[in-house]
Amino acid sequence: MAGLTLDTAGALAAAREMGASGWAAAELLLAIRIGMAEGASARREGEEKPHGL
């Protein structure tokens, strides 16, 4: 997940607004980071392939 940034304080505040606290908030933050990493990976893979293939 190198190179990805997440406004941890903002994400934690959003998690708390949704009613998450403690481990649930930490799990939500982890899920967000994993999603960001997967999205970045998918974009990199898309850049490597010519369009239309």
N, C-alpha and C. Protein backbone atom coordinates (compact mmCIF):
# COMPACT_ATOMS: atom_id res chain seq x y z
N MET A 1 0.81 -1.18 0.00
CA MET A 1 0.00 0.00 0.00
C MET A 1 0.86 1.25 0.00
N ALA A 2 2.05 1.13 -0.43
CA ALA A 2 2.96 2.27 -0.46
C ALA A 2 2.45 3.33 -1.41
N GLY A 3 2.62 4.56 -1.03
CA GLY A 3 2.24 5.67 -1.89
C GLY A 3 0.79 6.09 -1.74
N LEU A 4 0.01 5.34 -1.02
CA LEU A 4 -1.39 5.71 -0.81
C LEU A 4 -1.51 6.51 0.46
N THR A 5 -2.33 7.53 0.41
CA THR A 5 -2.54 8.33 1.61
C THR A 5 -4.02 8.31 1.96
N LEU A 6 -4.30 8.34 3.22
CA LEU A 6 -5.66 8.35 3.71
C LEU A 6 -5.72 9.34 4.86
N ASP A 7 -6.67 10.25 4.79
CA ASP A 7 -6.89 11.18 5.89
C ASP A 7 -7.47 10.37 7.05
N THR A 8 -6.58 9.82 7.86
CA THR A 8 -6.99 8.91 8.93
C THR A 8 -7.94 9.59 9.90
N ALA A 9 -7.64 10.82 10.27
CA ALA A 9 -8.51 11.53 11.21
C ALA A 9 -9.90 11.73 10.60
N GLY A 10 -9.94 12.12 9.35
CA GLY A 10 -11.23 12.31 8.68
C GLY A 10 -11.99 11.01 8.50
N ALA A 11 -11.27 9.95 8.14
CA ALA A 11 -11.91 8.65 7.97
C ALA A 11 -12.43 8.12 9.30
N LEU A 12 -11.66 8.32 10.36
CA LEU A 12 -12.10 7.89 11.68
C LEU A 12 -13.33 8.67 12.11
N ALA A 13 -13.36 9.97 11.84
CA ALA A 13 -14.53 10.78 12.17
C ALA A 13 -15.75 10.29 11.39
N ALA A 14 -15.56 9.95 10.12
CA ALA A 14 -16.67 9.43 9.32
C ALA A 14 -17.15 8.09 9.87
N ALA A 15 -16.21 7.23 10.27
CA ALA A 15 -16.58 5.94 10.84
C ALA A 15 -17.39 6.13 12.12
N ARG A 16 -16.98 7.08 12.93
CA ARG A 16 -17.71 7.33 14.18
C ARG A 16 -19.10 7.91 13.90
N GLU A 17 -19.20 8.75 12.85
CA GLU A 17 -20.51 9.30 12.48
C GLU A 17 -21.45 8.19 12.03
N MET A 18 -20.88 7.12 11.45
CA MET A 18 -21.69 5.98 11.02
C MET A 18 -21.97 5.02 12.17
N GLY A 19 -21.47 5.35 13.35
CA GLY A 19 -21.76 4.55 14.53
C GLY A 19 -20.69 3.52 14.87
N ALA A 20 -19.59 3.50 14.14
CA ALA A 20 -18.53 2.54 14.43
C ALA A 20 -17.63 3.10 15.53
N SER A 21 -17.13 2.20 16.37
CA SER A 21 -16.17 2.62 17.39
C SER A 21 -15.23 1.46 17.67
N GLY A 22 -14.12 1.75 18.30
CA GLY A 22 -13.16 0.72 18.67
C GLY A 22 -12.70 -0.10 17.48
N TRP A 23 -12.78 -1.43 17.62
CA TRP A 23 -12.31 -2.33 16.57
C TRP A 23 -13.10 -2.17 15.29
N ALA A 24 -14.39 -1.87 15.40
CA ALA A 24 -15.20 -1.69 14.19
C ALA A 24 -14.69 -0.53 13.35
N ALA A 25 -14.30 0.55 14.00
CA ALA A 25 -13.75 1.70 13.28
C ALA A 25 -12.41 1.34 12.65
N ALA A 26 -11.59 0.59 13.38
CA ALA A 26 -10.29 0.17 12.83
C ALA A 26 -10.48 -0.74 11.62
N GLU A 27 -11.46 -1.64 11.70
CA GLU A 27 -11.74 -2.54 10.57
C GLU A 27 -12.23 -1.74 9.37
N LEU A 28 -13.05 -0.73 9.60
CA LEU A 28 -13.54 0.10 8.51
C LEU A 28 -12.38 0.84 7.84
N LEU A 29 -11.47 1.39 8.64
CA LEU A 29 -10.31 2.08 8.08
C LEU A 29 -9.45 1.12 7.27
N LEU A 30 -9.26 -0.10 7.77
CA LEU A 30 -8.48 -1.09 7.04
C LEU A 30 -9.16 -1.44 5.72
N ALA A 31 -10.47 -1.60 5.73
CA ALA A 31 -11.20 -1.91 4.51
C ALA A 31 -11.05 -0.78 3.48
N ILE A 32 -11.09 0.46 3.94
CA ILE A 32 -10.90 1.59 3.04
C ILE A 32 -9.51 1.55 2.42
N ARG A 33 -8.48 1.30 3.23
CA ARG A 33 -7.11 1.25 2.71
C ARG A 33 -6.93 0.10 1.73
N ILE A 34 -7.52 -1.06 2.02
CA ILE A 34 -7.43 -2.19 1.11
C ILE A 34 -8.11 -1.84 -0.21
N GLY A 35 -9.27 -1.21 -0.13
CA GLY A 35 -9.97 -0.79 -1.34
C GLY A 35 -9.16 0.18 -2.16
N MET A 36 -8.49 1.12 -1.47
CA MET A 36 -7.64 2.08 -2.18
C MET A 36 -6.49 1.35 -2.88
N ALA A 37 -5.89 0.39 -2.20
CA ALA A 37 -4.76 -0.36 -2.77
C ALA A 37 -5.21 -1.18 -3.97
N GLU A 38 -6.37 -1.82 -3.86
CA GLU A 38 -6.87 -2.62 -4.98
C GLU A 38 -7.22 -1.74 -6.16
N GLY A 39 -7.80 -0.58 -5.90
CA GLY A 39 -8.11 0.35 -6.98
C GLY A 39 -6.86 0.85 -7.68
N ALA A 40 -5.84 1.17 -6.91
CA ALA A 40 -4.57 1.63 -7.49
C ALA A 40 -3.93 0.53 -8.32
N SER A 41 -4.00 -0.69 -7.81
CA SER A 41 -3.43 -1.83 -8.54
C SER A 41 -4.18 -2.05 -9.84
N ALA A 42 -5.49 -1.96 -9.82
CA ALA A 42 -6.29 -2.15 -11.03
C ALA A 42 -5.99 -1.06 -12.05
N ARG A 43 -5.80 0.17 -11.58
CA ARG A 43 -5.46 1.25 -12.52
C ARG A 43 -4.09 1.02 -13.14
N ARG A 44 -3.12 0.55 -12.32
CA ARG A 44 -1.79 0.28 -12.86
C ARG A 44 -1.85 -0.84 -13.90
N GLU A 45 -2.61 -1.88 -13.63
CA GLU A 45 -2.74 -2.97 -14.58
C GLU A 45 -3.41 -2.49 -15.86
N GLY A 46 -4.37 -1.60 -15.73
CA GLY A 46 -5.05 -1.05 -16.90
C GLY A 46 -4.13 -0.19 -17.75
N GLU A 47 -3.18 0.48 -17.12
CA GLU A 47 -2.24 1.33 -17.86
C GLU A 47 -1.25 0.49 -18.65
N GLU A 48 -0.97 -0.72 -18.18
CA GLU A 48 0.02 -1.57 -18.83
C GLU A 48 -0.52 -2.23 -20.09
N LYS A 49 -1.85 -2.39 -20.17
CA LYS A 49 -2.46 -3.08 -21.30
C LYS A 49 -2.91 -2.06 -22.34
N PRO A 50 -2.70 -2.37 -23.63
CA PRO A 50 -3.20 -1.47 -24.67
C PRO A 50 -4.73 -1.42 -24.62
N HIS A 51 -5.27 -0.30 -25.01
CA HIS A 51 -6.73 -0.15 -25.03
C HIS A 51 -7.34 -1.11 -26.03
N GLY A 52 -8.48 -1.67 -25.69
CA GLY A 52 -9.17 -2.57 -26.59
C GLY A 52 -8.81 -4.03 -26.43
N LEU A 53 -7.91 -4.36 -25.54
CA LEU A 53 -7.55 -5.78 -25.34
C LEU A 53 -8.13 -6.30 -24.06
